[in-house]
């Protein structure tokens, strides 16, 4: 499940947990909006607990790095607790 919220407090900001947000919300980014990507919540069957998605895991950071490298519009992209591997 993906979370998306258009902020009523911060001007022109969309907060989402989608790893495809840069691609899916490109029209907003091109119009100068800010996309704030936060970790989603997943259930780990092995550990039998709910956790935040780790943005610094190999596969997730690979997806985010690819999206960030391909985007060159005027919008701003914020990613909570993410360390780029580029």
N, C-alpha and C. Protein backbone atom coordinates (compact mmCIF):
# COMPACT_ATOMS: atom_id res chain seq x y z
N UNK A 1 0.84 -1.16 0.00
CA UNK A 1 0.00 0.00 0.00
C UNK A 1 0.89 1.24 0.00
N UNK A 2 0.50 2.24 -0.76
CA UNK A 2 1.28 3.47 -0.89
C UNK A 2 0.51 4.61 -0.25
N UNK A 3 1.23 5.46 0.44
CA UNK A 3 0.66 6.64 1.09
C UNK A 3 0.98 7.86 0.25
N UNK A 4 -0.04 8.70 -0.03
CA UNK A 4 0.17 9.97 -0.74
C UNK A 4 -0.69 11.02 -0.07
N UNK A 5 -0.09 12.20 0.24
CA UNK A 5 -0.83 13.28 0.88
C UNK A 5 -0.38 14.60 0.28
N UNK A 6 -1.32 15.41 -0.16
CA UNK A 6 -1.01 16.77 -0.59
C UNK A 6 -1.13 17.64 0.64
N UNK A 7 -0.05 18.34 0.96
CA UNK A 7 0.02 19.09 2.21
C UNK A 7 -0.84 20.33 2.18
N UNK A 8 -1.52 20.56 3.28
CA UNK A 8 -2.30 21.79 3.43
C UNK A 8 -1.52 22.80 4.27
N UNK A 9 -0.36 22.38 4.79
CA UNK A 9 0.45 23.26 5.63
C UNK A 9 1.65 23.80 4.85
N UNK A 10 2.39 22.90 4.21
CA UNK A 10 3.56 23.30 3.44
C UNK A 10 3.12 23.49 1.99
N UNK A 11 3.38 24.68 1.45
CA UNK A 11 2.92 25.04 0.12
C UNK A 11 3.52 24.16 -0.97
N UNK A 12 2.64 23.64 -1.83
CA UNK A 12 3.03 22.85 -3.01
C UNK A 12 3.93 21.67 -2.66
N UNK A 13 3.55 20.90 -1.65
CA UNK A 13 4.31 19.73 -1.24
C UNK A 13 3.41 18.50 -1.23
N UNK A 14 3.92 17.41 -1.80
CA UNK A 14 3.23 16.13 -1.77
C UNK A 14 4.12 15.17 -0.99
N UNK A 15 3.57 14.56 0.04
CA UNK A 15 4.28 13.57 0.85
C UNK A 15 3.78 12.19 0.44
N UNK A 16 4.71 11.27 0.20
CA UNK A 16 4.35 9.94 -0.26
C UNK A 16 5.34 8.89 0.23
N UNK A 17 4.90 7.64 0.24
CA UNK A 17 5.80 6.53 0.55
C UNK A 17 6.13 5.73 -0.71
N UNK A 18 5.69 6.20 -1.86
CA UNK A 18 5.91 5.49 -3.12
C UNK A 18 7.37 5.60 -3.57
N UNK A 19 7.97 4.46 -3.89
CA UNK A 19 9.34 4.47 -4.42
C UNK A 19 9.36 4.94 -5.86
N UNK A 20 8.20 4.98 -6.50
CA UNK A 20 8.09 5.44 -7.88
C UNK A 20 7.55 6.87 -7.96
N UNK A 21 7.63 7.60 -6.88
CA UNK A 21 7.04 8.93 -6.80
C UNK A 21 7.61 9.89 -7.84
N UNK A 22 8.91 9.83 -8.07
CA UNK A 22 9.54 10.76 -9.01
C UNK A 22 8.96 10.56 -10.41
N UNK A 23 8.79 9.31 -10.79
CA UNK A 23 8.21 8.99 -12.10
C UNK A 23 6.71 9.29 -12.11
N UNK A 24 5.99 8.85 -11.08
CA UNK A 24 4.53 8.99 -11.06
C UNK A 24 4.06 10.42 -10.87
N UNK A 25 4.84 11.24 -10.19
CA UNK A 25 4.43 12.62 -9.90
C UNK A 25 5.27 13.64 -10.66
N UNK A 26 5.85 13.21 -11.77
CA UNK A 26 6.73 14.07 -12.56
C UNK A 26 6.06 15.37 -13.02
N UNK A 27 4.79 15.31 -13.36
CA UNK A 27 4.08 16.52 -13.80
C UNK A 27 4.06 17.58 -12.69
N UNK A 28 3.89 17.14 -11.45
CA UNK A 28 3.93 18.09 -10.33
C UNK A 28 5.34 18.63 -10.13
N UNK A 29 6.34 17.75 -10.20
CA UNK A 29 7.73 18.19 -10.05
C UNK A 29 8.09 19.21 -11.11
N UNK A 30 7.67 18.97 -12.35
CA UNK A 30 7.98 19.89 -13.45
C UNK A 30 7.32 21.26 -13.26
N UNK A 31 6.27 21.31 -12.43
CA UNK A 31 5.60 22.59 -12.14
C UNK A 31 6.13 23.23 -10.86
N UNK A 32 7.24 22.68 -10.31
CA UNK A 32 7.89 23.29 -9.16
C UNK A 32 7.46 22.77 -7.81
N UNK A 33 6.67 21.71 -7.77
CA UNK A 33 6.24 21.15 -6.50
C UNK A 33 7.40 20.44 -5.81
N UNK A 34 7.28 20.23 -4.51
CA UNK A 34 8.23 19.45 -3.73
C UNK A 34 7.60 18.09 -3.44
N UNK A 35 8.37 17.03 -3.69
CA UNK A 35 7.93 15.68 -3.36
C UNK A 35 8.74 15.22 -2.16
N UNK A 36 8.07 14.91 -1.07
CA UNK A 36 8.71 14.46 0.16
C UNK A 36 8.45 12.95 0.28
N UNK A 37 9.50 12.15 0.07
CA UNK A 37 9.35 10.69 0.10
C UNK A 37 9.74 10.18 1.48
N UNK A 38 8.81 9.50 2.11
CA UNK A 38 9.03 8.95 3.46
C UNK A 38 8.97 7.43 3.40
N UNK A 39 9.60 6.74 4.35
CA UNK A 39 9.55 5.28 4.33
C UNK A 39 8.13 4.74 4.52
N UNK A 40 7.79 3.77 3.70
CA UNK A 40 6.53 3.07 3.86
C UNK A 40 6.64 2.07 4.99
N UNK A 41 5.54 1.43 5.31
CA UNK A 41 5.52 0.44 6.37
C UNK A 41 5.26 -0.93 5.74
N UNK A 42 6.07 -1.92 6.12
CA UNK A 42 5.91 -3.27 5.58
C UNK A 42 5.87 -4.28 6.72
N UNK A 43 5.25 -5.40 6.44
CA UNK A 43 5.21 -6.49 7.41
C UNK A 43 6.27 -7.51 7.02
N UNK A 44 7.17 -7.81 7.93
CA UNK A 44 8.22 -8.80 7.73
C UNK A 44 7.73 -10.13 8.32
N UNK A 45 7.42 -11.08 7.45
CA UNK A 45 6.89 -12.37 7.91
C UNK A 45 7.91 -13.16 8.71
N UNK A 46 9.18 -13.05 8.34
CA UNK A 46 10.22 -13.80 9.03
C UNK A 46 10.36 -13.30 10.47
N UNK A 47 10.41 -11.99 10.64
CA UNK A 47 10.55 -11.40 11.97
C UNK A 47 9.22 -11.27 12.69
N UNK A 48 8.12 -11.43 11.94
CA UNK A 48 6.77 -11.27 12.46
C UNK A 48 6.58 -9.90 13.13
N UNK A 49 7.01 -8.87 12.37
CA UNK A 49 6.81 -7.51 12.89
C UNK A 49 6.70 -6.51 11.76
N UNK A 50 6.11 -5.37 12.08
CA UNK A 50 5.94 -4.27 11.13
C UNK A 50 7.14 -3.35 11.25
N UNK A 51 7.70 -2.97 10.08
CA UNK A 51 8.89 -2.10 10.06
C UNK A 51 8.76 -1.05 8.98
N UNK A 52 9.56 0.01 9.10
CA UNK A 52 9.68 0.99 8.04
C UNK A 52 10.57 0.42 6.93
N UNK A 53 10.30 0.81 5.70
CA UNK A 53 11.16 0.43 4.58
C UNK A 53 12.52 1.09 4.78
N UNK A 54 13.58 0.31 4.63
CA UNK A 54 14.94 0.84 4.78
C UNK A 54 15.40 1.41 3.44
N UNK A 55 15.45 2.73 3.35
CA UNK A 55 15.85 3.39 2.10
C UNK A 55 17.31 3.15 1.76
N UNK A 56 18.10 2.71 2.72
CA UNK A 56 19.52 2.49 2.47
C UNK A 56 19.84 1.03 2.15
N UNK A 57 18.81 0.18 2.04
CA UNK A 57 19.06 -1.19 1.59
C UNK A 57 19.43 -1.14 0.11
N UNK A 58 20.13 -2.17 -0.34
CA UNK A 58 20.66 -2.15 -1.71
C UNK A 58 19.58 -1.94 -2.77
N UNK A 59 18.51 -2.73 -2.73
CA UNK A 59 17.50 -2.67 -3.78
C UNK A 59 16.72 -1.36 -3.76
N UNK A 60 16.37 -0.90 -2.58
CA UNK A 60 15.60 0.35 -2.48
C UNK A 60 16.47 1.53 -2.90
N UNK A 61 17.71 1.59 -2.44
CA UNK A 61 18.58 2.71 -2.82
C UNK A 61 18.88 2.69 -4.31
N UNK A 62 18.93 1.51 -4.91
CA UNK A 62 19.15 1.40 -6.36
C UNK A 62 17.98 2.03 -7.12
N UNK A 63 16.76 1.74 -6.69
CA UNK A 63 15.57 2.34 -7.31
C UNK A 63 15.60 3.86 -7.15
N UNK A 64 15.86 4.34 -5.94
CA UNK A 64 15.88 5.78 -5.69
C UNK A 64 16.99 6.48 -6.46
N UNK A 65 18.19 5.89 -6.47
CA UNK A 65 19.31 6.49 -7.21
C UNK A 65 18.99 6.61 -8.69
N UNK A 66 18.43 5.57 -9.27
CA UNK A 66 18.09 5.59 -10.69
C UNK A 66 17.09 6.71 -10.98
N UNK A 67 16.05 6.81 -10.16
CA UNK A 67 15.03 7.86 -10.36
C UNK A 67 15.62 9.25 -10.19
N UNK A 68 16.46 9.43 -9.17
CA UNK A 68 17.08 10.74 -8.94
C UNK A 68 18.01 11.13 -10.08
N UNK A 69 18.76 10.18 -10.60
CA UNK A 69 19.70 10.47 -11.69
C UNK A 69 18.99 10.81 -12.98
N UNK A 70 17.81 10.24 -13.20
CA UNK A 70 17.06 10.50 -14.43
C UNK A 70 16.24 11.78 -14.38
N UNK A 71 15.97 12.30 -13.20
CA UNK A 71 15.13 13.50 -13.09
C UNK A 71 15.99 14.77 -13.15
N UNK A 72 15.59 15.71 -13.99
CA UNK A 72 16.32 16.97 -14.07
C UNK A 72 15.38 18.17 -14.20
N UNK A 73 14.22 18.08 -13.58
CA UNK A 73 13.25 19.17 -13.62
C UNK A 73 13.52 20.20 -12.55
N UNK A 74 12.55 21.10 -12.37
CA UNK A 74 12.75 22.20 -11.43
C UNK A 74 12.16 21.95 -10.04
N UNK A 75 11.46 20.85 -9.85
CA UNK A 75 10.90 20.51 -8.54
C UNK A 75 11.97 20.06 -7.58
N UNK A 76 11.59 19.97 -6.31
CA UNK A 76 12.52 19.56 -5.26
C UNK A 76 12.10 18.19 -4.74
N UNK A 77 13.08 17.32 -4.51
CA UNK A 77 12.82 15.97 -4.01
C UNK A 77 13.51 15.80 -2.66
N UNK A 78 12.71 15.51 -1.65
CA UNK A 78 13.24 15.25 -0.31
C UNK A 78 13.02 13.79 0.02
N UNK A 79 14.04 13.11 0.54
CA UNK A 79 13.90 11.70 0.90
C UNK A 79 14.39 11.55 2.33
N UNK A 80 13.49 11.15 3.22
CA UNK A 80 13.81 11.03 4.64
C UNK A 80 14.81 9.90 4.91
N UNK A 81 15.87 10.20 5.65
CA UNK A 81 16.85 9.21 6.10
C UNK A 81 17.47 8.41 4.96
N UNK A 82 17.81 9.08 3.86
CA UNK A 82 18.37 8.39 2.69
C UNK A 82 19.76 8.92 2.41
N UNK A 83 20.69 7.99 2.18
CA UNK A 83 22.06 8.35 1.83
C UNK A 83 22.32 7.83 0.44
N UNK A 84 22.45 8.74 -0.52
CA UNK A 84 22.68 8.37 -1.91
C UNK A 84 23.99 7.60 -2.05
N UNK A 85 23.98 6.60 -2.91
CA UNK A 85 25.18 5.81 -3.17
C UNK A 85 25.87 6.27 -4.45
N UNK A 86 25.48 7.40 -4.99
CA UNK A 86 26.08 7.90 -6.23
C UNK A 86 27.35 8.68 -5.93
